[in-house]
Amino acid sequence: MRWPLLLLAAGASACSDYALEPHPGIPPDAEPDIEVSPLSVDFGSLPGGEVAVREVAVRNLGAALLEVEPPAMEGDGSFTLVDEAASFGLMDGEERSLRIAFTAAEPEARQASLWVRSNDPDTPEIEVALAGLGLVPWLEITPDFHDFGEVTIPCEEDLQLVLQNVGNADLHVESLAYDGGGQLALTESPGTPFTLAPGAVAAATVLLQPSAAGDVIGRLQVASDDPRGVVEATQNASLGWTGEQTDRFTLPVDPPADILFAVDRSGSMDDDALALGAAFGDFIATLGALTDGWQVGVVTRDDGCVNQGLLTSATPDPVTSFAAATLEGTDAEVALDEQLFQMVDRALQQTAVGACNEGLLRAGAPLHVVFVSDEPERSTETAAAWTWDWFLTRYGAWAPEAAQVQLSGVIDLDDCNEGPAGYLEAVEATDGLALSICDADWGAAAVALAEASAEGLYTFPLSAEPDPATLEVALDGVILGSGWAWDPGTNAITLDLDLARAAATGAEVTVHYHLLAECG
């Protein structure tokens, strides 16, 4: 039978913490007797994000009041009590259910314990074993952090990232986003969206392209149905140059310019040769305004020797001499009149001391070769290997000390004869000037050729390879925001002609830059 009990008001004296006083008829030796059921709970397998709730019953099988402490959870945090943990009492035969929730938040088996502690003298605490398995996708990026360390500009490095689903359910990747501050970039990655089965992998590549000094951080963010949402991997690097350099030059007075005209003397060229000679006054007037250090040679004969000698600003009547030079050569002497590549090659071979063209090439002077012909270049008719690029390589070998070798042409651009083949390719390869010989305005052509001959007069070779973005050019201490250019092929700075001519005689040109590293 159940013994009646009397509830007393809170704060009144009682025989227990619950202010309960047994009926006088209850045996004084009565005890509580706890029962917990079940003693283990397996929640089974749950898809990621789902929650399951199970109940554990606590009963009092004894005659005395069972006093139960607040239930306690220990172990994996995937298991929680649904209701607030609080102490409670159970009379004889009463029971209470404890609700436990399992949230499938991570993959693999999870375990925890529910501890029920009471005043049962025989079993003061009881453990309820809890188990559950989450079927959860889980993204792991390897490495999740990478330090490239100290890297010198512009040496590139790359890093492969492995994206793996280490969970036990399919991983659905929605997007990949990368922010590398302009020097780190994601160069290879799978197209999104995509799915990774458990254990499957995908690869992505991060490329480090150093261009400016400082610390950089890159961050890959992968959005998927991984319960964590966005998973990140970061990379960093410390970038710098190997050093700095300052080159100093003195602006030259009347810098040298070497020009060689190769004129086709075939019968169709008589009028053009006369017109070229008549326009030479415009040529030297334009060039002489830029420098008095010019010299001009004219070749028409097979032997490659210049006609009338080298013409300079000291020549008494260079216009008359040039006009005469363009018309020289008998039929027997001009078999190569339509093979000007060969003629120029022979001319450059004969520039040594004692040769017929001694002094034609001066150290540091740009060499400007001007072809004048209304025919295609026919050197390949002598030897198939004698193409325009083959001769261009030879010209560079014969003139190794030239600041640059540039080829221009007054040629048949408008198909008034047989076309410009050979000449045009060579002109374009050296960024030369291509003018049409068909109904040519020889005065304008002469001015344009003179200006082209002056390109590179104020050119200064740098002593080391620069980072182009760091080049700083100053003239007498004043930094130039424009008026100069850097040629990566020759690694030289060239000042604009107008700027150079306006500068004071002997002005100092300084070029400051950071050095590029030699990358392995």
Protein backbone atom coordinates (compact mmCIF):
# COMPACT_ATOMS: atom_id res chain seq x y z
CA MET A 1 0.00 0.00 0.00
CA ARG A 2 1.06 3.72 -0.39
CA TRP A 3 1.72 5.53 2.84
CA PRO A 4 0.17 9.02 2.91
CA LEU A 5 2.61 11.88 3.22
CA LEU A 6 2.11 15.42 4.33
CA LEU A 7 3.57 18.28 2.24
CA LEU A 8 4.81 21.09 4.39
CA ALA A 9 5.15 24.72 3.35
CA ALA A 10 8.51 25.92 1.92
CA GLY A 11 10.85 27.05 4.60
CA ALA A 12 9.23 24.99 7.34
CA SER A 13 11.21 22.37 9.17
CA ALA A 14 11.00 18.94 7.56
CA CYS A 15 12.66 15.60 7.45
CA SER A 16 14.07 16.19 3.93
CA ASP A 17 15.07 18.89 1.41
CA TYR A 18 11.66 18.45 -0.25
CA ALA A 19 9.83 19.42 2.91
CA LEU A 20 8.06 16.07 2.98
CA GLU A 21 7.18 14.34 6.21
CA PRO A 22 6.24 10.67 6.12
CA HIS A 23 3.00 9.43 7.59
CA PRO A 24 3.52 8.13 11.08
CA GLY A 25 2.57 4.73 9.75
CA ILE A 26 5.57 4.45 7.37
CA PRO A 27 8.20 2.13 8.70
CA PRO A 28 11.15 4.13 9.93
CA ASP A 29 13.58 1.90 8.03
CA ALA A 30 11.91 2.46 4.60
CA GLU A 31 14.32 3.38 1.74
CA PRO A 32 14.04 4.72 -1.80
CA ASP A 33 14.84 2.32 -4.63
CA ILE A 34 15.74 3.84 -8.03
CA GLU A 35 15.19 2.24 -11.41
CA VAL A 36 16.43 3.80 -14.69
CA SER A 37 15.32 2.35 -18.01
CA PRO A 38 16.76 1.82 -20.52
CA LEU A 39 20.39 1.82 -19.44
CA SER A 40 21.59 2.39 -23.01
CA VAL A 41 20.13 4.37 -25.88
CA ASP A 42 21.23 3.99 -29.50
CA PHE A 43 19.92 6.78 -31.70
CA GLY A 44 21.02 4.95 -34.84
CA SER A 45 22.09 6.81 -37.98
CA LEU A 46 20.80 10.29 -38.74
CA PRO A 47 21.35 12.48 -41.79
CA GLY A 48 23.36 15.60 -41.10
CA GLY A 49 21.46 18.34 -39.30
CA GLU A 50 18.60 16.14 -38.14
CA VAL A 51 17.67 15.80 -34.45
CA ALA A 52 16.25 12.72 -32.71
CA VAL A 53 14.77 12.65 -29.18
CA ARG A 54 14.62 9.61 -26.92
CA GLU A 55 13.32 9.17 -23.36
CA VAL A 56 14.84 7.57 -20.28
CA ALA A 57 12.46 6.73 -17.43
CA VAL A 58 13.42 7.21 -13.75
CA ARG A 59 11.20 5.35 -11.23
CA ASN A 60 11.06 5.03 -7.47
CA LEU A 61 10.40 1.41 -6.47
CA GLY A 62 11.03 2.04 -2.79
CA ALA A 63 8.81 3.15 0.07
CA ALA A 64 10.71 6.33 0.95
CA LEU A 65 11.05 9.54 -1.06
CA LEU A 66 13.59 9.29 -3.92
CA GLU A 67 15.58 12.49 -4.21
CA VAL A 68 17.24 12.87 -7.66
CA GLU A 69 20.00 15.38 -8.35
CA PRO A 70 20.05 17.43 -11.62
CA PRO A 71 20.83 14.91 -14.41
CA ALA A 72 24.30 15.41 -15.88
CA MET A 73 25.63 14.83 -19.42
CA GLU A 74 29.22 13.83 -20.05
CA GLY A 75 30.98 13.17 -23.34
CA ASP A 76 30.20 14.25 -26.88
CA GLY A 77 28.27 17.49 -27.22
CA SER A 78 26.00 16.03 -29.89
CA PHE A 79 23.84 14.72 -26.99
CA THR A 80 21.87 17.20 -24.88
CA LEU A 81 19.01 17.24 -22.38
CA VAL A 82 15.87 18.67 -23.90
CA ASP A 83 14.54 20.02 -20.61
CA GLU A 84 16.43 22.08 -18.09
CA ALA A 85 18.40 19.91 -15.71
CA ALA A 86 16.91 20.27 -12.24
CA SER A 87 16.57 18.13 -9.11
CA PHE A 88 13.27 16.39 -8.47
CA GLY A 89 11.66 13.96 -6.07
CA LEU A 90 9.67 10.82 -6.69
CA MET A 91 7.27 9.21 -4.23
CA ASP A 92 6.74 5.47 -4.03
CA GLY A 93 5.83 4.20 -7.52
CA GLU A 94 6.22 7.55 -9.27
CA GLU A 95 8.37 8.04 -12.39
CA ARG A 96 9.67 10.85 -14.59
CA SER A 97 10.97 10.81 -18.15
CA LEU A 98 14.21 12.49 -19.12
CA ARG A 99 14.25 13.59 -22.77
CA ILE A 100 17.60 13.38 -24.59
CA ALA A 101 18.31 14.83 -28.01
CA PHE A 102 20.98 13.72 -30.48
CA THR A 103 21.98 16.15 -33.24
CA ALA A 104 23.84 14.71 -36.24
CA ALA A 105 26.43 17.50 -36.54
CA GLU A 106 29.61 15.56 -37.32
CA PRO A 107 30.42 12.29 -39.08
CA GLU A 108 31.39 9.03 -37.38
CA ALA A 109 30.02 7.40 -34.25
CA ARG A 110 29.41 9.61 -31.23
CA GLN A 111 29.09 8.57 -27.57
CA ALA A 112 28.13 10.17 -24.30
CA SER A 113 26.78 9.29 -20.86
CA LEU A 114 23.76 10.45 -18.89
CA TRP A 115 24.41 10.28 -15.16
CA VAL A 116 21.47 9.95 -12.76
CA ARG A 117 22.46 10.47 -9.12
CA SER A 118 20.06 10.04 -6.18
CA ASN A 119 19.70 9.19 -2.49
CA ASP A 120 19.21 5.50 -3.25
CA PRO A 121 21.59 3.97 -0.69
CA ASP A 122 22.32 0.94 -2.84
CA THR A 123 22.73 2.63 -6.24
CA PRO A 124 23.60 6.28 -5.66
CA GLU A 125 24.48 6.84 -9.38
CA ILE A 126 23.49 5.19 -12.62
CA GLU A 127 25.07 5.65 -16.07
CA VAL A 128 22.98 5.58 -19.23
CA ALA A 129 25.15 4.93 -22.28
CA LEU A 130 24.27 7.03 -25.33
CA ALA A 131 25.33 6.37 -28.93
CA GLY A 132 24.52 7.80 -32.33
CA LEU A 133 25.92 8.07 -35.82
CA GLY A 134 25.72 11.18 -38.01
CA LEU A 135 25.60 10.70 -41.78
CA VAL A 136 27.35 13.99 -42.42
CA PRO A 137 29.50 15.35 -45.26
CA TRP A 138 32.74 16.84 -43.96
CA LEU A 139 35.21 18.82 -46.02
CA GLU A 140 38.92 18.69 -45.27
CA ILE A 141 41.33 20.98 -47.20
CA THR A 142 44.97 19.92 -47.13
CA PRO A 143 46.93 21.95 -46.25
CA ASP A 144 44.48 24.24 -44.50
CA PHE A 145 47.36 26.66 -43.92
CA HIS A 146 50.56 27.15 -45.91
CA ASP A 147 53.37 29.65 -45.48
CA PHE A 148 55.39 30.23 -48.65
CA GLY A 149 57.96 32.03 -46.49
CA GLU A 150 60.21 34.72 -47.93
CA VAL A 151 59.94 34.83 -51.74
CA THR A 152 61.91 37.11 -54.03
CA ILE A 153 60.21 39.03 -56.83
CA PRO A 154 59.31 37.79 -59.47
CA CYS A 155 59.90 34.11 -58.67
CA GLU A 156 56.62 32.20 -58.93
CA GLU A 157 55.63 29.32 -56.70
CA ASP A 158 52.55 27.13 -56.70
CA LEU A 159 50.72 25.01 -54.17
CA GLN A 160 48.28 22.17 -54.71
CA LEU A 161 45.30 22.04 -52.37
CA VAL A 162 43.46 18.74 -51.90
CA LEU A 163 39.74 18.95 -51.15
CA GLN A 164 38.52 15.68 -49.60
CA ASN A 165 35.19 14.55 -48.24
CA VAL A 166 36.19 12.79 -45.02
CA GLY A 167 32.54 12.45 -43.95
CA ASN A 168 30.15 9.57 -44.54
CA ALA A 169 27.61 11.28 -46.80
CA ASP A 170 27.90 12.98 -50.21
CA LEU A 171 29.37 16.49 -50.06
CA HIS A 172 27.76 19.02 -52.40
CA VAL A 173 30.10 21.94 -53.14
CA GLU A 174 28.28 25.06 -54.26
CA SER A 175 31.11 27.53 -54.91
CA LEU A 176 34.82 28.25 -54.61
CA ALA A 177 35.94 31.81 -53.89
CA TYR A 178 39.51 33.04 -53.68
CA ASP A 179 41.00 36.36 -52.61
CA GLY A 180 44.75 36.71 -52.95
CA GLY A 181 45.30 40.45 -53.12
CA GLY A 182 46.43 40.32 -56.75
CA GLN A 183 49.59 38.28 -56.10
CA LEU A 184 48.02 34.97 -55.10
CA ALA A 185 45.48 33.42 -57.43
CA LEU A 186 43.50 30.21 -57.85
CA THR A 187 44.63 29.00 -61.28
CA GLU A 188 43.17 25.50 -61.43
CA SER A 189 40.05 24.20 -59.72
CA PRO A 190 37.03 22.00 -60.45
CA GLY A 191 33.99 23.69 -61.92
CA THR A 192 31.17 24.32 -59.48
CA PRO A 193 28.83 22.96 -58.40
CA PHE A 194 30.22 19.46 -57.92
CA THR A 195 29.75 16.52 -55.58
CA LEU A 196 32.30 14.48 -53.65
CA ALA A 197 31.33 11.03 -52.44
CA PRO A 198 32.72 9.92 -49.07
CA GLY A 199 36.50 9.61 -49.43
CA ALA A 200 36.60 11.33 -52.83
CA VAL A 201 39.04 14.15 -53.57
CA ALA A 202 39.38 17.16 -55.89
CA ALA A 203 42.42 19.36 -56.49
CA ALA A 204 42.94 23.09 -56.79
CA THR A 205 46.14 25.05 -57.47
CA VAL A 206 47.19 28.34 -55.91
CA LEU A 207 49.82 30.34 -57.82
CA LEU A 208 52.01 32.93 -56.13
CA GLN A 209 53.06 35.65 -58.62
CA PRO A 210 55.17 38.18 -56.71
CA SER A 211 55.06 41.68 -58.14
CA ALA A 212 55.28 44.03 -55.16
CA ALA A 213 57.07 43.88 -51.83
CA GLY A 214 55.15 43.18 -48.63
CA ASP A 215 53.17 40.49 -46.86
CA VAL A 216 50.32 38.85 -48.76
CA ILE A 217 47.53 36.57 -47.63
CA GLY A 218 45.38 34.34 -49.81
CA ARG A 219 42.17 32.73 -48.70
CA LEU A 220 40.19 29.93 -50.37
CA GLN A 221 36.58 29.73 -49.22
CA VAL A 222 34.53 26.65 -50.10
CA ALA A 223 30.76 26.82 -49.62
CA SER A 224 29.04 23.44 -49.36
CA ASP A 225 26.52 21.45 -47.32
CA ASP A 226 29.21 20.70 -44.77
CA PRO A 227 27.40 21.59 -41.51
CA ARG A 228 30.08 24.20 -40.78
CA GLY A 229 29.00 26.15 -43.87
CA VAL A 230 32.08 27.78 -45.43
CA VAL A 231 35.40 25.98 -44.96
CA GLU A 232 38.61 27.99 -45.49
CA ALA A 233 42.26 27.40 -46.29
CA THR A 234 44.78 30.24 -46.07
CA GLN A 235 48.23 30.90 -47.50
CA ASN A 236 50.68 33.69 -46.85
CA ALA A 237 54.04 34.91 -48.09
CA SER A 238 56.55 37.65 -47.45
CA LEU A 239 57.66 39.18 -50.76
CA GLY A 240 60.71 41.30 -51.48
CA TRP A 241 63.36 42.24 -54.00
CA THR A 242 66.94 41.06 -53.98
CA GLY A 243 68.19 44.67 -53.85
CA GLU A 244 68.13 48.13 -55.39
CA GLN A 245 70.23 49.81 -58.05
CA THR A 246 70.86 53.34 -59.25
CA ASP A 247 72.51 53.89 -62.66
CA ARG A 248 73.84 57.33 -63.57
CA PHE A 249 74.49 58.72 -67.05
CA THR A 250 75.48 62.01 -68.59
CA LEU A 251 73.24 63.26 -71.36
CA PRO A 252 75.45 63.17 -74.48
CA VAL A 253 76.03 66.11 -76.79
CA ASP A 254 75.47 65.24 -80.47
CA PRO A 255 75.19 61.48 -79.94
CA PRO A 256 76.21 59.31 -82.91
CA ALA A 257 73.71 57.94 -85.40
CA ASP A 258 74.84 55.59 -88.19
CA ILE A 259 72.59 55.29 -91.26
CA LEU A 260 73.10 53.03 -94.28
CA PHE A 261 70.95 53.40 -97.41
CA ALA A 262 70.80 50.34 -99.72
CA VAL A 263 69.35 51.46 -103.06
CA ASP A 264 68.06 49.14 -105.79
CA ARG A 265 69.64 50.21 -109.12
CA SER A 266 67.42 48.15 -111.44
CA GLY A 267 66.01 50.02 -114.45
CA SER A 268 62.62 50.77 -112.87
CA MET A 269 64.33 52.62 -110.00
CA ASP A 270 65.96 55.58 -111.85
CA ASP A 271 63.20 58.07 -111.07
CA ASP A 272 63.01 56.94 -107.44
CA ALA A 273 66.78 57.25 -106.97
CA LEU A 274 66.67 60.80 -108.32
CA ALA A 275 63.74 61.72 -106.06
CA LEU A 276 65.50 60.25 -103.01
CA GLY A 277 68.62 62.28 -103.76
CA ALA A 278 66.61 65.47 -104.13
CA ALA A 279 64.92 64.91 -100.76
CA PHE A 280 68.17 64.31 -98.86
CA GLY A 281 68.30 67.96 -97.84
CA ASP A 282 65.10 67.45 -95.82
CA PHE A 283 66.64 64.33 -94.29
CA ILE A 284 69.79 65.99 -92.93
CA ALA A 285 67.92 69.16 -91.91
CA THR A 286 65.65 67.07 -89.71
CA LEU A 287 68.42 64.84 -88.37
CA GLY A 288 70.82 67.75 -87.87
CA ALA A 289 68.30 69.46 -85.61
CA LEU A 290 68.58 66.46 -83.30
CA THR A 291 72.29 65.69 -83.47
CA ASP A 292 75.39 66.65 -85.42
CA GLY A 293 76.81 63.22 -84.77
CA TRP A 294 75.16 61.58 -87.76
CA GLN A 295 76.90 59.80 -90.63
CA VAL A 296 75.34 58.33 -93.77
CA GLY A 297 76.56 55.69 -96.20
CA VAL A 298 74.97 54.69 -99.52
CA VAL A 299 75.51 51.27 -101.14
CA THR A 300 74.38 50.27 -104.63
CA ARG A 301 77.23 48.02 -105.85
CA ASP A 302 77.69 44.31 -105.31
CA ASP A 303 80.93 44.82 -103.37
CA GLY A 304 79.04 46.65 -100.58
CA CYS A 305 81.47 49.57 -100.40
CA VAL A 306 79.77 52.91 -99.69
CA ASN A 307 79.61 55.38 -102.58
CA GLN A 308 81.14 58.85 -102.14
CA GLY A 309 82.56 57.82 -98.75
CA LEU A 310 80.83 58.36 -95.40
CA LEU A 311 78.80 61.58 -95.35
CA THR A 312 78.82 63.59 -92.11
CA SER A 313 77.91 67.05 -90.85
CA ALA A 314 81.48 68.05 -91.82
CA THR A 315 81.04 67.02 -95.47
CA PRO A 316 81.16 70.23 -97.60
CA ASP A 317 78.06 69.44 -99.72
CA PRO A 318 76.44 66.27 -98.38
CA VAL A 319 73.23 66.76 -100.42
CA THR A 320 75.06 66.71 -103.75
CA SER A 321 77.26 63.81 -102.66
CA PHE A 322 74.25 61.79 -101.52
CA ALA A 323 72.37 62.40 -104.78
CA ALA A 324 75.37 61.24 -106.77
CA ALA A 325 75.82 58.20 -104.55
CA THR A 326 72.27 56.94 -105.15
CA LEU A 327 72.93 56.83 -108.94
CA GLU A 328 76.31 55.09 -108.98
CA GLY A 329 76.91 51.61 -110.33
CA THR A 330 77.25 50.19 -113.82
CA ASP A 331 75.25 47.18 -114.95
CA ALA A 332 78.27 44.98 -114.30
CA GLU A 333 78.58 46.29 -110.73
CA VAL A 334 74.95 45.90 -109.66
CA ALA A 335 74.03 42.24 -110.19
CA LEU A 336 72.65 42.27 -106.63
CA ASP A 337 70.40 45.27 -107.32
CA GLU A 338 67.33 43.28 -106.24
CA GLN A 339 69.14 41.38 -103.47
CA LEU A 340 69.78 44.21 -101.04
CA PHE A 341 70.02 41.88 -98.04
CA GLN A 342 73.25 40.45 -99.51
CA MET A 343 74.56 43.90 -100.40
CA VAL A 344 74.09 45.19 -96.82
CA ASP A 345 75.63 42.01 -95.42
CA ARG A 346 78.76 42.64 -97.50
CA ALA A 347 78.82 46.29 -96.46
CA LEU A 348 78.76 45.38 -92.74
CA GLN A 349 81.51 42.79 -93.19
CA GLN A 350 83.84 45.50 -94.47
CA THR A 351 83.82 47.85 -91.49
CA ALA A 352 87.11 46.75 -89.94
CA VAL A 353 90.24 48.92 -89.92
CA GLY A 354 91.59 49.20 -93.47
CA ALA A 355 88.39 47.89 -95.11
CA CYS A 356 86.37 50.03 -97.53
CA ASN A 357 83.71 50.85 -94.93
CA GLU A 358 86.01 51.51 -92.00
CA GLY A 359 84.24 53.73 -89.46
CA LEU A 360 80.71 52.91 -90.65
CA LEU A 361 79.87 51.28 -87.31
CA ARG A 362 80.62 53.26 -84.14
CA ALA A 363 80.39 51.75 -80.69
CA GLY A 364 77.12 52.63 -78.99
CA ALA A 365 75.61 54.23 -82.10
CA PRO A 366 72.24 52.92 -83.32
CA LEU A 367 72.45 51.47 -86.82
CA HIS A 368 69.57 52.31 -89.14
CA VAL A 369 69.48 50.43 -92.45
CA VAL A 370 67.09 51.82 -95.07
CA PHE A 371 66.17 49.64 -98.06
CA VAL A 372 64.89 51.44 -101.17
CA SER A 373 63.36 49.13 -103.79
CA ASP A 374 60.21 48.58 -105.84
CA GLU A 375 60.85 44.82 -106.06
CA PRO A 376 60.59 41.96 -103.56
CA GLU A 377 63.85 40.95 -101.85
CA ARG A 378 65.35 38.12 -103.93
CA SER A 379 68.30 36.81 -101.91
CA THR A 380 66.53 33.49 -101.43
CA GLU A 381 66.85 32.93 -105.18
CA THR A 382 70.58 32.51 -104.56
CA ALA A 383 70.21 30.32 -101.45
CA ALA A 384 66.97 29.12 -99.91
CA ALA A 385 68.35 29.62 -96.39
CA TRP A 386 68.98 33.31 -97.00
CA THR A 387 65.71 34.49 -95.53
CA TRP A 388 65.13 37.89 -93.95
CA ASP A 389 65.53 36.56 -90.40
CA TRP A 390 68.76 34.77 -91.33
CA PHE A 391 70.23 38.06 -92.54
CA LEU A 392 68.88 39.95 -89.52
CA THR A 393 70.82 37.63 -87.24
CA ARG A 394 73.98 38.24 -89.27
CA TYR A 395 73.54 42.02 -89.11
CA GLY A 396 73.44 41.82 -85.32
CA ALA A 397 76.65 39.77 -85.39
CA TRP A 398 78.47 42.21 -87.67
CA ALA A 399 77.38 45.17 -85.53
CA PRO A 400 77.68 43.83 -81.96
CA GLU A 401 78.41 47.21 -80.40
CA ALA A 402 75.45 49.02 -81.97
CA ALA A 403 72.92 50.38 -79.50
CA GLN A 404 70.27 48.81 -81.74
CA VAL A 405 69.84 47.60 -85.31
CA GLN A 406 66.72 48.87 -87.00
CA LEU A 407 65.59 48.15 -90.56
CA SER A 408 63.28 50.48 -92.51
CA GLY A 409 62.13 50.45 -96.10
CA VAL A 410 60.76 52.63 -98.87
CA ILE A 411 59.17 49.66 -100.61
CA ASP A 412 56.27 48.53 -102.77
CA LEU A 413 53.50 48.57 -100.15
CA ASP A 414 50.75 49.35 -102.66
CA ASP A 415 51.57 46.70 -105.30
CA CYS A 416 52.69 49.17 -107.94
CA ASN A 417 55.27 46.60 -109.03
CA GLU A 418 55.81 43.15 -107.47
CA GLY A 419 55.27 43.77 -103.76
CA PRO A 420 57.42 44.14 -100.60
CA ALA A 421 58.06 40.48 -99.68
CA GLY A 422 61.13 39.99 -97.52
CA TYR A 423 61.68 43.66 -96.76
CA LEU A 424 58.36 44.17 -95.00
CA GLU A 425 58.88 41.21 -92.64
CA ALA A 426 62.33 42.46 -91.65
CA VAL A 427 61.07 46.01 -91.10
CA GLU A 428 58.23 44.84 -88.88
CA ALA A 429 60.52 42.53 -86.90
CA THR A 430 62.72 45.49 -85.87
CA ASP A 431 59.89 48.00 -85.40
CA GLY A 432 61.23 49.95 -88.34
CA LEU A 433 59.46 52.37 -90.63
CA ALA A 434 57.65 51.04 -93.71
CA LEU A 435 56.92 53.68 -96.41
CA SER A 436 55.39 53.18 -99.84
CA ILE A 437 57.57 53.83 -102.90
CA CYS A 438 54.44 54.06 -105.06
CA ASP A 439 53.82 57.77 -105.76
CA ALA A 440 55.92 58.57 -102.70
CA ASP A 441 56.03 62.01 -101.12
CA TRP A 442 59.81 61.93 -100.89
CA GLY A 443 60.07 65.06 -98.79
CA ALA A 444 57.77 63.63 -96.11
CA ALA A 445 59.50 60.26 -96.43
CA ALA A 446 62.92 61.87 -95.85
CA VAL A 447 61.71 63.62 -92.69
CA ALA A 448 60.14 60.42 -91.35
CA LEU A 449 63.31 58.42 -92.03
CA ALA A 450 65.44 61.06 -90.29
CA GLU A 451 63.22 60.91 -87.20
CA ALA A 452 63.40 57.13 -87.24
CA SER A 453 67.21 57.35 -87.50
CA ALA A 454 67.26 59.49 -84.37
CA GLU A 455 65.28 57.00 -82.29
CA GLY A 456 67.50 55.63 -79.58
CA LEU A 457 70.05 58.45 -79.71
CA TYR A 458 69.48 59.11 -76.04
CA THR A 459 69.49 55.50 -74.90
CA PHE A 460 71.09 54.32 -71.68
CA PRO A 461 71.71 50.60 -70.99
CA LEU A 462 70.96 49.52 -67.44
CA SER A 463 73.51 47.59 -65.45
CA ALA A 464 71.06 44.99 -64.10
CA GLU A 465 67.62 43.54 -64.78
CA PRO A 466 64.95 45.79 -63.20
CA ASP A 467 61.48 45.21 -61.95
CA PRO A 468 59.76 47.39 -64.58
CA ALA A 469 57.13 48.60 -62.13
CA THR A 470 59.82 50.18 -59.94
CA LEU A 471 61.73 52.12 -62.62
CA GLU A 472 62.18 55.77 -61.70
CA VAL A 473 63.94 58.10 -64.15
CA ALA A 474 65.17 61.56 -63.19
CA LEU A 475 66.82 64.34 -65.18
CA ASP A 476 69.06 66.56 -63.08
CA GLY A 477 67.24 65.33 -59.98
CA VAL A 478 63.72 65.94 -61.30
CA ILE A 479 61.69 62.72 -61.53
CA LEU A 480 60.13 62.30 -64.98
CA GLY A 481 56.50 61.25 -65.06
CA SER A 482 56.73 60.71 -68.83
CA GLY A 483 59.11 61.25 -71.71
CA TRP A 484 61.02 57.99 -71.39
CA ALA A 485 60.60 54.32 -72.23
CA TRP A 486 62.21 51.05 -71.19
CA ASP A 487 63.02 48.42 -73.83
CA PRO A 488 63.07 44.92 -72.26
CA GLY A 489 64.91 43.52 -75.30
CA THR A 490 67.94 45.77 -74.83
CA ASN A 491 67.32 46.53 -71.14
CA ALA A 492 67.83 50.22 -71.82
CA ILE A 493 66.08 53.50 -71.03
CA THR A 494 65.46 55.88 -73.95
CA LEU A 495 64.55 59.55 -73.51
CA ASP A 496 62.20 61.26 -75.91
CA LEU A 497 64.10 63.39 -78.43
CA ASP A 498 62.32 66.64 -77.58
CA LEU A 499 62.97 66.14 -73.87
CA ALA A 500 66.65 65.31 -74.40
CA ARG A 501 67.30 68.24 -76.75
CA ALA A 502 65.65 70.66 -74.33
CA ALA A 503 67.81 69.51 -71.42
CA ALA A 504 70.96 71.32 -70.37
CA THR A 505 74.27 70.19 -71.88
CA GLY A 506 75.81 67.49 -69.71
CA ALA A 507 72.63 66.95 -67.68
CA GLU A 508 72.63 63.88 -65.42
CA VAL A 509 70.20 61.06 -66.02
CA THR A 510 69.61 58.77 -63.04
CA VAL A 511 67.64 55.55 -63.17
CA HIS A 512 66.63 53.93 -59.88
CA TYR A 513 64.99 50.49 -59.71
CA HIS A 514 64.61 47.31 -57.72
CA LEU A 515 66.43 44.21 -58.90
CA LEU A 516 64.68 41.12 -60.15
CA ALA A 517 65.83 37.81 -58.76
CA GLU A 518 67.15 34.95 -60.88
CA CYS A 519 64.51 32.30 -60.39
CA GLY A 520 65.46 28.66 -60.37
